[in-house]
Each structure stands twice: as structure tokens, then as C-alpha cells.
Amino acid sequence: MKLHWAPQTRLQRTIRMLEEAGVEYEMEPVDIRAADVMPGSNAAIRVSR
């Protein structure tokens, strides 16, 4: 499973749940402040405000 995460978010609950369930996961960092995170969406508008 790939776990997309961003620094300074509430990820600890999800990580704890996955570890307690014994699920293997790979952490994939995401820059939520980058305008190109979700091309074609309004992510750039939300970030720039």
C-alpha cells in the first residue's frame, strides 16, 4: 500500500492503525503547497489564497 503524506499533517493515527493491523505500507511524500499536485484541479487556487 502506498501512503501519501505531507509534513505537519495528522498522519500518526493512520500510521498507527496500519501498523496495528500488520499492513505493509510505503510512505510517499507529497508537497501539498505545490501548484502541480493535482493537475487540472483547483488545488492551485486553494493553495494561492
PDB file of N, CA and C in Angstrom:
ATOM      1  N   MET A   1       0.850  -1.150   0.000  1.00  0.00           N
ATOM      2  CA  MET A   1       0.000   0.000   0.000  1.00  0.00           C
ATOM      3  C   MET A   1       0.906   1.225   0.000  1.00  0.00           C
ATOM      4  N   LYS A   2       0.535   2.230  -0.766  1.00  0.00           N
ATOM      5  CA  LYS A   2       1.271   3.478  -0.793  1.00  0.00           C
ATOM      6  C   LYS A   2       0.512   4.506   0.033  1.00  0.00           C
ATOM      7  N   LEU A   3       1.185   5.078   1.008  1.00  0.00           N
ATOM      8  CA  LEU A   3       0.592   6.061   1.895  1.00  0.00           C
ATOM      9  C   LEU A   3       1.144   7.433   1.521  1.00  0.00           C
ATOM     10  N   HIS A   4       0.304   8.251   0.890  1.00  0.00           N
ATOM     11  CA  HIS A   4       0.712   9.599   0.504  1.00  0.00           C
ATOM     12  C   HIS A   4       0.569  10.501   1.717  1.00  0.00           C
ATOM     13  N   TRP A   5       1.621  11.257   2.016  1.00  0.00           N
ATOM     14  CA  TRP A   5       1.607  12.074   3.226  1.00  0.00           C
ATOM     15  C   TRP A   5       2.292  13.414   2.982  1.00  0.00           C
ATOM     16  N   ALA A   6       1.951  14.356   3.810  1.00  0.00           N
ATOM     17  CA  ALA A   6       2.567  15.681   3.780  1.00  0.00           C
ATOM     18  C   ALA A   6       3.040  16.013   5.194  1.00  0.00           C
ATOM     19  N   PRO A   7       4.179  16.682   5.303  1.00  0.00           N
ATOM     20  CA  PRO A   7       4.664  17.066   6.623  1.00  0.00           C
ATOM     21  C   PRO A   7       3.652  17.953   7.353  1.00  0.00           C
ATOM     22  N   GLN A   8       3.647  17.861   8.653  1.00  0.00           N
ATOM     23  CA  GLN A   8       2.785  18.649   9.533  1.00  0.00           C
ATOM     24  C   GLN A   8       1.303  18.377   9.285  1.00  0.00           C
ATOM     25  N   THR A   9       0.967  17.125   9.033  1.00  0.00           N
ATOM     26  CA  THR A   9      -0.431  16.712   8.917  1.00  0.00           C
ATOM     27  C   THR A   9      -0.727  15.677   9.990  1.00  0.00           C
ATOM     28  N   ARG A  10      -1.963  15.301  10.128  1.00  0.00           N
ATOM     29  CA  ARG A  10      -2.376  14.334  11.159  1.00  0.00           C
ATOM     30  C   ARG A  10      -2.288  12.912  10.632  1.00  0.00           C
ATOM     31  N   LEU A  11      -1.087  12.471  10.399  1.00  0.00           N
ATOM     32  CA  LEU A  11      -0.872  11.157   9.805  1.00  0.00           C
ATOM     33  C   LEU A  11      -0.654  10.068  10.842  1.00  0.00           C
ATOM     34  N   GLN A  12      -0.303  10.426  12.059  1.00  0.00           N
ATOM     35  CA  GLN A  12       0.063   9.427  13.064  1.00  0.00           C
ATOM     36  C   GLN A  12      -1.036   8.412  13.331  1.00  0.00           C
ATOM     37  N   ARG A  13      -2.290   8.823  13.332  1.00  0.00           N
ATOM     38  CA  ARG A  13      -3.388   7.867  13.568  1.00  0.00           C
ATOM     39  C   ARG A  13      -3.434   6.813  12.480  1.00  0.00           C
ATOM     40  N   THR A  14      -3.253   7.257  11.241  1.00  0.00           N
ATOM     41  CA  THR A  14      -3.286   6.315  10.115  1.00  0.00           C
ATOM     42  C   THR A  14      -2.117   5.351  10.192  1.00  0.00           C
ATOM     43  N   ILE A  15      -0.938   5.868  10.485  1.00  0.00           N
ATOM     44  CA  ILE A  15       0.245   5.000  10.596  1.00  0.00           C
ATOM     45  C   ILE A  15       0.056   3.988  11.716  1.00  0.00           C
ATOM     46  N   ARG A  16      -0.431   4.444  12.857  1.00  0.00           N
ATOM     47  CA  ARG A  16      -0.661   3.542  13.989  1.00  0.00           C
ATOM     48  C   ARG A  16      -1.656   2.444  13.619  1.00  0.00           C
ATOM     49  N   MET A  17      -2.737   2.820  12.936  1.00  0.00           N
ATOM     50  CA  MET A  17      -3.748   1.845  12.541  1.00  0.00           C
ATOM     51  C   MET A  17      -3.151   0.803  11.594  1.00  0.00           C
ATOM     52  N   LEU A  18      -2.375   1.253  10.603  1.00  0.00           N
ATOM     53  CA  LEU A  18      -1.770   0.324   9.655  1.00  0.00           C
ATOM     54  C   LEU A  18      -0.791  -0.615  10.348  1.00  0.00           C
ATOM     55  N   GLU A  19      -0.001  -0.088  11.264  1.00  0.00           N
ATOM     56  CA  GLU A  19       0.964  -0.927  11.971  1.00  0.00           C
ATOM     57  C   GLU A  19       0.279  -1.929  12.889  1.00  0.00           C
ATOM     58  N   GLU A  20      -0.781  -1.517  13.571  1.00  0.00           N
ATOM     59  CA  GLU A  20      -1.504  -2.447  14.447  1.00  0.00           C
ATOM     60  C   GLU A  20      -2.206  -3.537  13.647  1.00  0.00           C
ATOM     61  N   ALA A  21      -2.637  -3.198  12.425  1.00  0.00           N
ATOM     62  CA  ALA A  21      -3.301  -4.184  11.570  1.00  0.00           C
ATOM     63  C   ALA A  21      -2.298  -5.069  10.844  1.00  0.00           C
ATOM     64  N   GLY A  22      -1.012  -4.726  10.921  1.00  0.00           N
ATOM     65  CA  GLY A  22       0.014  -5.532  10.261  1.00  0.00           C
ATOM     66  C   GLY A  22       0.088  -5.306   8.766  1.00  0.00           C
ATOM     67  N   VAL A  23      -0.401  -4.163   8.305  1.00  0.00           N
ATOM     68  CA  VAL A  23      -0.402  -3.856   6.869  1.00  0.00           C
ATOM     69  C   VAL A  23       0.950  -3.250   6.490  1.00  0.00           C
ATOM     70  N   GLU A  24       1.538  -3.787   5.427  1.00  0.00           N
ATOM     71  CA  GLU A  24       2.784  -3.207   4.928  1.00  0.00           C
ATOM     72  C   GLU A  24       2.445  -1.987   4.097  1.00  0.00           C
ATOM     73  N   TYR A  25       3.228  -0.915   4.270  1.00  0.00           N
ATOM     74  CA  TYR A  25       2.962   0.306   3.524  1.00  0.00           C
ATOM     75  C   TYR A  25       4.267   0.994   3.170  1.00  0.00           C
ATOM     76  N   GLU A  26       4.193   1.817   2.170  1.00  0.00           N
ATOM     77  CA  GLU A  26       5.322   2.615   1.714  1.00  0.00           C
ATOM     78  C   GLU A  26       4.892   4.073   1.764  1.00  0.00           C
ATOM     79  N   MET A  27       5.704   4.919   2.378  1.00  0.00           N
ATOM     80  CA  MET A  27       5.339   6.328   2.508  1.00  0.00           C
ATOM     81  C   MET A  27       5.840   7.117   1.310  1.00  0.00           C
ATOM     82  N   GLU A  28       4.933   7.842   0.687  1.00  0.00           N
ATOM     83  CA  GLU A  28       5.235   8.670  -0.479  1.00  0.00           C
ATOM     84  C   GLU A  28       4.982  10.126  -0.110  1.00  0.00           C
ATOM     85  N   PRO A  29       6.032  10.953   0.011  1.00  0.00           N
ATOM     86  CA  PRO A  29       5.825  12.350   0.383  1.00  0.00           C
ATOM     87  C   PRO A  29       5.135  13.140  -0.722  1.00  0.00           C
ATOM     88  N   VAL A  30       4.270  14.071  -0.324  1.00  0.00           N
ATOM     89  CA  VAL A  30       3.545  14.929  -1.254  1.00  0.00           C
ATOM     90  C   VAL A  30       3.686  16.365  -0.765  1.00  0.00           C
ATOM     91  N   ASP A  31       4.029  17.265  -1.674  1.00  0.00           N
ATOM     92  CA  ASP A  31       4.116  18.679  -1.332  1.00  0.00           C
ATOM     93  C   ASP A  31       2.758  19.305  -1.608  1.00  0.00           C
ATOM     94  N   ILE A  32       1.940  19.461  -0.571  1.00  0.00           N
ATOM     95  CA  ILE A  32       0.580  19.968  -0.768  1.00  0.00           C
ATOM     96  C   ILE A  32       0.558  21.456  -1.093  1.00  0.00           C
ATOM     97  N   ARG A  33       1.686  22.110  -0.952  1.00  0.00           N
ATOM     98  CA  ARG A  33       1.749  23.536  -1.286  1.00  0.00           C
ATOM     99  C   ARG A  33       2.142  23.777  -2.741  1.00  0.00           C
ATOM    100  N   ALA A  34       2.555  22.732  -3.442  1.00  0.00           N
ATOM    101  CA  ALA A  34       2.946  22.862  -4.845  1.00  0.00           C
ATOM    102  C   ALA A  34       1.703  23.009  -5.716  1.00  0.00           C
ATOM    103  N   ALA A  35       1.783  23.859  -6.697  1.00  0.00           N
ATOM    104  CA  ALA A  35       0.641  24.115  -7.576  1.00  0.00           C
ATOM    105  C   ALA A  35       0.356  22.937  -8.499  1.00  0.00           C
ATOM    106  N   ASP A  36       1.332  22.088  -8.749  1.00  0.00           N
ATOM    107  CA  ASP A  36       1.146  20.984  -9.690  1.00  0.00           C
ATOM    108  C   ASP A  36       0.815  19.661  -9.008  1.00  0.00           C
ATOM    109  N   VAL A  37       0.322  19.691  -7.787  1.00  0.00           N
ATOM    110  CA  VAL A  37      -0.003  18.460  -7.068  1.00  0.00           C
ATOM    111  C   VAL A  37      -1.099  17.693  -7.788  1.00  0.00           C
ATOM    112  N   MET A  38      -2.144  18.384  -8.168  1.00  0.00           N
ATOM    113  CA  MET A  38      -3.262  17.743  -8.843  1.00  0.00           C
ATOM    114  C   MET A  38      -3.566  18.512 -10.131  1.00  0.00           C
ATOM    115  N   PRO A  39      -2.842  18.197 -11.205  1.00  0.00           N
ATOM    116  CA  PRO A  39      -3.054  18.916 -12.453  1.00  0.00           C
ATOM    117  C   PRO A  39      -4.518  18.844 -12.898  1.00  0.00           C
ATOM    118  N   GLY A  40      -5.048  19.970 -13.351  1.00  0.00           N
ATOM    119  CA  GLY A  40      -6.418  20.000 -13.831  1.00  0.00           C
ATOM    120  C   GLY A  40      -7.437  20.230 -12.728  1.00  0.00           C
ATOM    121  N   SER A  41      -6.989  20.352 -11.489  1.00  0.00           N
ATOM    122  CA  SER A  41      -7.930  20.588 -10.400  1.00  0.00           C
ATOM    123  C   SER A  41      -7.802  22.022  -9.912  1.00  0.00           C
ATOM    124  N   ASN A  42      -8.540  22.356  -8.894  1.00  0.00           N
ATOM    125  CA  ASN A  42      -8.455  23.701  -8.345  1.00  0.00           C
ATOM    126  C   ASN A  42      -7.487  23.771  -7.162  1.00  0.00           C
ATOM    127  N   ALA A  43      -6.560  22.814  -7.066  1.00  0.00           N
ATOM    128  CA  ALA A  43      -5.597  22.809  -5.967  1.00  0.00           C
ATOM    129  C   ALA A  43      -4.764  24.084  -5.959  1.00  0.00           C
ATOM    130  N   ALA A  44      -4.376  24.565  -7.147  1.00  0.00           N
ATOM    131  CA  ALA A  44      -3.562  25.781  -7.210  1.00  0.00           C
ATOM    132  C   ALA A  44      -4.326  26.983  -6.676  1.00  0.00           C
ATOM    133  N   ILE A  45      -5.612  27.016  -6.888  1.00  0.00           N
ATOM    134  CA  ILE A  45      -6.432  28.128  -6.398  1.00  0.00           C
ATOM    135  C   ILE A  45      -6.495  28.086  -4.877  1.00  0.00           C
ATOM    136  N   ARG A  46      -6.715  26.911  -4.313  1.00  0.00           N
ATOM    137  CA  ARG A  46      -6.804  26.779  -2.853  1.00  0.00           C
ATOM    138  C   ARG A  46      -5.497  27.148  -2.186  1.00  0.00           C
ATOM    139  N   VAL A  47      -4.366  26.745  -2.793  1.00  0.00           N
ATOM    140  CA  VAL A  47      -3.058  26.993  -2.199  1.00  0.00           C
ATOM    141  C   VAL A  47      -2.705  28.465  -2.262  1.00  0.00           C
ATOM    142  N   SER A  48      -3.061  29.155  -3.338  1.00  0.00           N
ATOM    143  CA  SER A  48      -2.625  30.533  -3.527  1.00  0.00           C
ATOM    144  C   SER A  48      -3.392  31.532  -2.664  1.00  0.00           C
ATOM    145  N   ARG A  49      -4.467  31.145  -2.072  1.00  0.00           N
ATOM    146  CA  ARG A  49      -5.261  32.079  -1.275  1.00  0.00           C
ATOM    147  C   ARG A  49      -4.669  32.373   0.059  1.00  0.00           C
TER     148      ARG A  49
END
